[in-house]
Amino acid sequence: MARRSAMEAEVAKLAEVPVGTMKRVRAFDQDILLSSVVGAMYATQNNCGYMRAGLAGGTPDGNVVTRALHGAKFDVTSGRNVGGIRPGLPSVVTEVDVQSLKAYGVEIRGSSACLEDE
């Protein structure tokens, strides 16, 4: 998609991200997770803190995405970590300190989602 300015980038058409779905996009030299939650579009970094694993392959449930690899949960409206790694995994995984995700501002312009990097 077209880059609009040094701090803003058009990343997707709204039709590409129906309500309840997510899409990995690229902007500001970063992989970003674009999430459509009822009535709004949100963007966070796509990679969680563990092995930089992508969240786009995770499971969305309302405003929370669960990372398939280890079960950590993130609120896509804020990037906040709302659930740690699921029990029963090897200690090398369960001892990881899962950090919150960077959140990006999303502005809807016509039929496009544009990201703002602060």
N, C-alpha and C. Protein backbone atom coordinates (compact mmCIF):
# COMPACT_ATOMS: atom_id res chain seq x y z
N MET A 1 0.85 -1.19 0.00
CA MET A 1 0.00 0.00 0.00
C MET A 1 0.89 1.26 0.00
N ALA A 2 0.31 2.39 -0.24
CA ALA A 2 1.05 3.64 -0.37
C ALA A 2 1.46 4.20 0.98
N ARG A 3 2.64 4.75 1.02
CA ARG A 3 3.10 5.43 2.22
C ARG A 3 2.70 6.88 2.11
N ARG A 4 2.03 7.42 3.14
CA ARG A 4 1.50 8.78 3.07
C ARG A 4 2.48 9.82 3.60
N SER A 5 3.18 9.52 4.67
CA SER A 5 4.16 10.45 5.23
C SER A 5 5.14 9.66 6.06
N ALA A 6 6.10 10.34 6.67
CA ALA A 6 7.11 9.65 7.48
C ALA A 6 6.49 8.95 8.67
N MET A 7 5.32 9.40 9.13
CA MET A 7 4.72 8.85 10.34
C MET A 7 3.37 8.18 10.09
N GLU A 8 2.99 8.00 8.83
CA GLU A 8 1.68 7.41 8.54
C GLU A 8 1.79 6.54 7.30
N ALA A 9 1.08 5.40 7.31
CA ALA A 9 1.10 4.50 6.16
C ALA A 9 -0.26 3.85 5.96
N GLU A 10 -0.72 3.83 4.71
CA GLU A 10 -1.94 3.09 4.37
C GLU A 10 -1.55 1.62 4.28
N VAL A 11 -2.25 0.74 5.01
CA VAL A 11 -1.82 -0.66 5.09
C VAL A 11 -2.83 -1.67 4.56
N ALA A 12 -4.10 -1.33 4.50
CA ALA A 12 -5.10 -2.30 4.04
C ALA A 12 -6.40 -1.60 3.68
N LYS A 13 -7.16 -2.26 2.83
CA LYS A 13 -8.54 -1.85 2.58
C LYS A 13 -9.39 -2.50 3.67
N LEU A 14 -10.42 -1.81 4.13
CA LEU A 14 -11.26 -2.34 5.20
C LEU A 14 -11.87 -3.69 4.84
N ALA A 15 -12.20 -3.89 3.58
CA ALA A 15 -12.80 -5.16 3.14
C ALA A 15 -11.85 -6.34 3.31
N GLU A 16 -10.55 -6.07 3.42
CA GLU A 16 -9.56 -7.14 3.60
C GLU A 16 -9.51 -7.67 5.03
N VAL A 17 -10.13 -6.94 5.97
CA VAL A 17 -10.09 -7.33 7.38
C VAL A 17 -11.51 -7.26 7.95
N PRO A 18 -12.35 -8.25 7.64
CA PRO A 18 -13.72 -8.24 8.15
C PRO A 18 -13.74 -8.32 9.68
N VAL A 19 -14.83 -7.91 10.28
CA VAL A 19 -14.98 -7.95 11.74
C VAL A 19 -14.69 -9.35 12.25
N GLY A 20 -13.88 -9.42 13.31
CA GLY A 20 -13.53 -10.69 13.93
C GLY A 20 -12.32 -11.37 13.33
N THR A 21 -11.64 -10.67 12.39
CA THR A 21 -10.46 -11.25 11.76
C THR A 21 -9.24 -10.37 11.99
N MET A 22 -8.08 -10.91 11.61
CA MET A 22 -6.81 -10.21 11.75
C MET A 22 -6.03 -10.36 10.44
N LYS A 23 -5.09 -9.45 10.24
CA LYS A 23 -4.24 -9.52 9.05
C LYS A 23 -2.86 -8.98 9.40
N ARG A 24 -1.83 -9.69 8.95
CA ARG A 24 -0.47 -9.19 9.12
C ARG A 24 -0.19 -8.21 7.99
N VAL A 25 0.29 -7.02 8.36
CA VAL A 25 0.66 -6.01 7.38
C VAL A 25 2.08 -5.55 7.69
N ARG A 26 2.65 -4.80 6.79
CA ARG A 26 4.01 -4.30 6.98
C ARG A 26 3.99 -2.78 6.85
N ALA A 27 4.55 -2.10 7.86
CA ALA A 27 4.68 -0.64 7.83
C ALA A 27 5.79 -0.25 8.79
N PHE A 28 6.44 0.85 8.53
CA PHE A 28 7.49 1.38 9.40
C PHE A 28 8.59 0.33 9.64
N ASP A 29 8.85 -0.50 8.64
CA ASP A 29 9.84 -1.59 8.73
C ASP A 29 9.51 -2.59 9.83
N GLN A 30 8.23 -2.77 10.13
CA GLN A 30 7.78 -3.69 11.17
C GLN A 30 6.64 -4.54 10.65
N ASP A 31 6.54 -5.77 11.18
CA ASP A 31 5.35 -6.60 10.96
C ASP A 31 4.32 -6.17 11.98
N ILE A 32 3.11 -5.88 11.51
CA ILE A 32 2.07 -5.33 12.37
C ILE A 32 0.81 -6.18 12.20
N LEU A 33 0.10 -6.40 13.31
CA LEU A 33 -1.14 -7.14 13.32
C LEU A 33 -2.30 -6.14 13.29
N LEU A 34 -3.09 -6.20 12.23
CA LEU A 34 -4.27 -5.35 12.09
C LEU A 34 -5.47 -6.20 12.49
N SER A 35 -6.24 -5.75 13.48
CA SER A 35 -7.37 -6.52 14.01
C SER A 35 -8.65 -5.72 13.91
N SER A 36 -9.69 -6.37 13.39
CA SER A 36 -11.01 -5.74 13.29
C SER A 36 -11.90 -6.29 14.40
N VAL A 37 -12.20 -5.42 15.36
CA VAL A 37 -13.07 -5.77 16.48
C VAL A 37 -14.33 -4.94 16.29
N VAL A 38 -15.47 -5.49 16.61
CA VAL A 38 -16.75 -4.83 16.36
C VAL A 38 -16.67 -3.31 16.53
N GLY A 39 -16.86 -2.60 15.42
CA GLY A 39 -16.91 -1.15 15.45
C GLY A 39 -15.58 -0.43 15.36
N ALA A 40 -14.45 -1.13 15.34
CA ALA A 40 -13.16 -0.43 15.30
C ALA A 40 -12.06 -1.33 14.74
N MET A 41 -10.98 -0.68 14.31
CA MET A 41 -9.79 -1.35 13.79
C MET A 41 -8.63 -0.99 14.72
N TYR A 42 -7.81 -1.99 15.06
CA TYR A 42 -6.68 -1.79 15.97
C TYR A 42 -5.42 -2.37 15.35
N ALA A 43 -4.27 -1.87 15.80
CA ALA A 43 -2.99 -2.37 15.29
C ALA A 43 -1.99 -2.49 16.43
N THR A 44 -1.29 -3.63 16.44
CA THR A 44 -0.22 -3.86 17.40
C THR A 44 0.95 -4.49 16.65
N GLN A 45 2.08 -4.58 17.31
CA GLN A 45 3.17 -5.34 16.70
C GLN A 45 2.67 -6.76 16.51
N ASN A 46 3.11 -7.43 15.46
CA ASN A 46 2.65 -8.78 15.17
C ASN A 46 3.44 -9.82 15.95
N ASN A 47 4.64 -9.52 16.33
CA ASN A 47 5.50 -10.50 16.97
C ASN A 47 5.43 -10.41 18.48
N CYS A 48 5.13 -11.56 19.12
CA CYS A 48 5.15 -11.58 20.58
C CYS A 48 6.61 -11.68 21.05
N GLY A 49 6.84 -11.53 22.32
CA GLY A 49 8.19 -11.51 22.86
C GLY A 49 8.92 -12.84 22.84
N TYR A 50 8.19 -13.94 22.68
CA TYR A 50 8.83 -15.25 22.71
C TYR A 50 9.18 -15.69 21.29
N MET A 51 10.44 -15.78 20.99
CA MET A 51 10.94 -16.21 19.69
C MET A 51 10.43 -15.34 18.55
N ARG A 52 9.95 -14.14 18.87
CA ARG A 52 9.44 -13.21 17.86
C ARG A 52 8.37 -13.87 17.00
N ALA A 53 7.63 -14.80 17.60
CA ALA A 53 6.60 -15.55 16.89
C ALA A 53 5.44 -14.64 16.49
N GLY A 54 4.91 -14.83 15.30
CA GLY A 54 3.84 -14.01 14.79
C GLY A 54 2.50 -14.31 15.44
N LEU A 55 1.72 -13.26 15.66
CA LEU A 55 0.39 -13.40 16.25
C LEU A 55 -0.71 -13.56 15.21
N ALA A 56 -0.42 -13.25 13.95
CA ALA A 56 -1.45 -13.32 12.91
C ALA A 56 -2.00 -14.74 12.77
N GLY A 57 -1.23 -15.74 13.15
CA GLY A 57 -1.69 -17.13 13.10
C GLY A 57 -2.40 -17.55 14.37
N GLY A 58 -2.57 -16.62 15.30
CA GLY A 58 -3.24 -16.92 16.56
C GLY A 58 -4.75 -16.96 16.40
N THR A 59 -5.43 -17.14 17.52
CA THR A 59 -6.88 -17.26 17.51
C THR A 59 -7.52 -16.00 18.10
N PRO A 60 -8.31 -15.26 17.29
CA PRO A 60 -8.99 -14.08 17.83
C PRO A 60 -10.27 -14.48 18.56
N ASP A 61 -10.55 -13.80 19.66
CA ASP A 61 -11.79 -13.98 20.41
C ASP A 61 -12.17 -12.62 20.96
N GLY A 62 -13.04 -11.92 20.24
CA GLY A 62 -13.37 -10.54 20.62
C GLY A 62 -12.14 -9.68 20.47
N ASN A 63 -11.73 -9.03 21.56
CA ASN A 63 -10.55 -8.15 21.51
C ASN A 63 -9.28 -8.84 21.98
N VAL A 64 -9.31 -10.17 22.16
CA VAL A 64 -8.13 -10.91 22.64
C VAL A 64 -7.68 -11.89 21.57
N VAL A 65 -6.35 -11.92 21.34
CA VAL A 65 -5.76 -12.91 20.45
C VAL A 65 -4.90 -13.84 21.32
N THR A 66 -5.02 -15.15 21.07
CA THR A 66 -4.23 -16.15 21.78
C THR A 66 -3.18 -16.69 20.83
N ARG A 67 -1.93 -16.64 21.27
CA ARG A 67 -0.81 -17.14 20.46
C ARG A 67 -0.83 -18.66 20.48
N ALA A 68 -0.91 -19.27 19.31
CA ALA A 68 -1.03 -20.72 19.19
C ALA A 68 0.16 -21.46 19.79
N LEU A 69 1.35 -20.93 19.66
CA LEU A 69 2.56 -21.61 20.09
C LEU A 69 2.61 -21.87 21.59
N HIS A 70 2.21 -20.89 22.39
CA HIS A 70 2.37 -21.02 23.84
C HIS A 70 1.17 -20.56 24.66
N GLY A 71 0.13 -20.08 24.01
CA GLY A 71 -1.10 -19.74 24.72
C GLY A 71 -1.16 -18.38 25.37
N ALA A 72 -0.12 -17.55 25.21
CA ALA A 72 -0.19 -16.20 25.78
C ALA A 72 -1.31 -15.43 25.10
N LYS A 73 -1.95 -14.52 25.84
CA LYS A 73 -3.10 -13.76 25.34
C LYS A 73 -2.79 -12.27 25.38
N PHE A 74 -3.21 -11.57 24.33
CA PHE A 74 -2.98 -10.14 24.21
C PHE A 74 -4.28 -9.44 23.84
N ASP A 75 -4.52 -8.28 24.46
CA ASP A 75 -5.66 -7.43 24.13
C ASP A 75 -5.24 -6.60 22.92
N VAL A 76 -5.88 -6.82 21.77
CA VAL A 76 -5.49 -6.12 20.56
C VAL A 76 -5.87 -4.65 20.57
N THR A 77 -6.74 -4.23 21.50
CA THR A 77 -7.13 -2.82 21.57
C THR A 77 -6.06 -1.98 22.25
N SER A 78 -5.19 -2.62 23.03
CA SER A 78 -4.15 -1.88 23.77
C SER A 78 -2.76 -2.47 23.63
N GLY A 79 -2.67 -3.74 23.23
CA GLY A 79 -1.39 -4.44 23.17
C GLY A 79 -1.03 -5.11 24.49
N ARG A 80 -1.85 -4.91 25.51
CA ARG A 80 -1.55 -5.42 26.85
C ARG A 80 -1.59 -6.95 26.90
N ASN A 81 -0.61 -7.53 27.61
CA ASN A 81 -0.59 -8.97 27.85
C ASN A 81 -1.65 -9.26 28.91
N VAL A 82 -2.67 -10.06 28.57
CA VAL A 82 -3.76 -10.34 29.51
C VAL A 82 -3.78 -11.80 29.96
N GLY A 83 -2.83 -12.60 29.52
CA GLY A 83 -2.76 -13.99 29.94
C GLY A 83 -1.41 -14.57 29.59
N GLY A 84 -0.77 -15.17 30.58
CA GLY A 84 0.57 -15.71 30.37
C GLY A 84 0.58 -17.01 29.60
N ILE A 85 1.73 -17.59 29.55
CA ILE A 85 1.95 -18.84 28.83
C ILE A 85 1.20 -19.96 29.53
N ARG A 86 0.55 -20.82 28.75
CA ARG A 86 -0.27 -21.89 29.33
C ARG A 86 0.60 -22.87 30.12
N PRO A 87 0.07 -23.39 31.21
CA PRO A 87 0.79 -24.36 32.03
C PRO A 87 1.05 -25.65 31.28
N GLY A 88 2.06 -26.38 31.72
CA GLY A 88 2.35 -27.69 31.14
C GLY A 88 3.39 -27.69 30.06
N LEU A 89 3.84 -26.52 29.63
CA LEU A 89 4.89 -26.46 28.63
C LEU A 89 6.25 -26.56 29.32
N PRO A 90 7.32 -26.90 28.59
CA PRO A 90 8.65 -26.99 29.21
C PRO A 90 9.05 -25.67 29.89
N SER A 91 9.85 -25.77 30.94
CA SER A 91 10.23 -24.58 31.72
C SER A 91 10.94 -23.52 30.88
N VAL A 92 11.65 -23.93 29.84
CA VAL A 92 12.32 -22.96 28.98
C VAL A 92 11.29 -22.02 28.34
N VAL A 93 10.06 -22.49 28.17
CA VAL A 93 8.99 -21.68 27.61
C VAL A 93 8.23 -20.94 28.70
N THR A 94 7.86 -21.64 29.77
CA THR A 94 7.01 -21.04 30.81
C THR A 94 7.72 -19.97 31.62
N GLU A 95 9.04 -19.94 31.59
CA GLU A 95 9.79 -18.93 32.34
C GLU A 95 9.98 -17.63 31.57
N VAL A 96 9.51 -17.58 30.34
CA VAL A 96 9.64 -16.38 29.52
C VAL A 96 8.73 -15.29 30.07
N ASP A 97 9.28 -14.09 30.20
CA ASP A 97 8.50 -12.94 30.64
C ASP A 97 7.84 -12.32 29.41
N VAL A 98 6.56 -12.58 29.23
CA VAL A 98 5.85 -12.09 28.04
C VAL A 98 5.47 -10.63 28.25
N GLN A 99 5.99 -9.77 27.41
CA GLN A 99 5.77 -8.33 27.49
C GLN A 99 4.54 -7.92 26.69
N SER A 100 4.02 -6.74 26.99
CA SER A 100 2.93 -6.18 26.19
C SER A 100 3.44 -5.82 24.81
N LEU A 101 2.53 -5.67 23.88
CA LEU A 101 2.86 -5.34 22.50
C LEU A 101 2.82 -3.83 22.27
N LYS A 102 3.60 -3.37 21.33
CA LYS A 102 3.51 -1.96 20.92
C LYS A 102 2.20 -1.78 20.16
N ALA A 103 1.46 -0.74 20.49
CA ALA A 103 0.21 -0.43 19.81
C ALA A 103 0.43 0.76 18.87
N TYR A 104 -0.27 0.76 17.76
CA TYR A 104 -0.21 1.83 16.77
C TYR A 104 -1.59 2.46 16.64
N GLY A 105 -1.62 3.74 16.36
CA GLY A 105 -2.88 4.41 16.09
C GLY A 105 -3.39 4.02 14.71
N VAL A 106 -4.70 3.82 14.59
CA VAL A 106 -5.31 3.49 13.30
C VAL A 106 -6.31 4.59 12.96
N GLU A 107 -6.20 5.08 11.76
CA GLU A 107 -7.16 6.06 11.26
C GLU A 107 -7.81 5.49 10.01
N ILE A 108 -9.12 5.57 9.95
CA ILE A 108 -9.85 5.10 8.77
C ILE A 108 -10.04 6.28 7.83
N ARG A 109 -9.58 6.11 6.61
CA ARG A 109 -9.72 7.13 5.58
C ARG A 109 -10.45 6.52 4.40
N GLY A 110 -11.72 6.87 4.28
CA GLY A 110 -12.51 6.27 3.21
C GLY A 110 -12.64 4.78 3.45
N SER A 111 -12.12 3.99 2.52
CA SER A 111 -12.18 2.53 2.65
C SER A 111 -10.85 1.92 3.04
N SER A 112 -9.93 2.75 3.55
CA SER A 112 -8.59 2.28 3.90
C SER A 112 -8.27 2.45 5.37
N ALA A 113 -7.44 1.54 5.89
CA ALA A 113 -6.90 1.65 7.25
C ALA A 113 -5.49 2.20 7.12
N CYS A 114 -5.23 3.30 7.85
CA CYS A 114 -3.92 3.93 7.84
C CYS A 114 -3.35 3.86 9.26
N LEU A 115 -2.06 3.55 9.38
CA LEU A 115 -1.40 3.46 10.67
C LEU A 115 -0.60 4.72 10.95
N GLU A 116 -0.56 5.06 12.22
CA GLU A 116 0.25 6.18 12.68
C GLU A 116 1.29 5.66 13.64
N ASP A 117 2.55 6.01 13.41
CA ASP A 117 3.64 5.62 14.30
C ASP A 117 4.03 6.82 15.12
N GLU A 118 3.92 6.68 16.43
CA GLU A 118 4.20 7.81 17.32
C GLU A 118 5.66 7.95 17.65
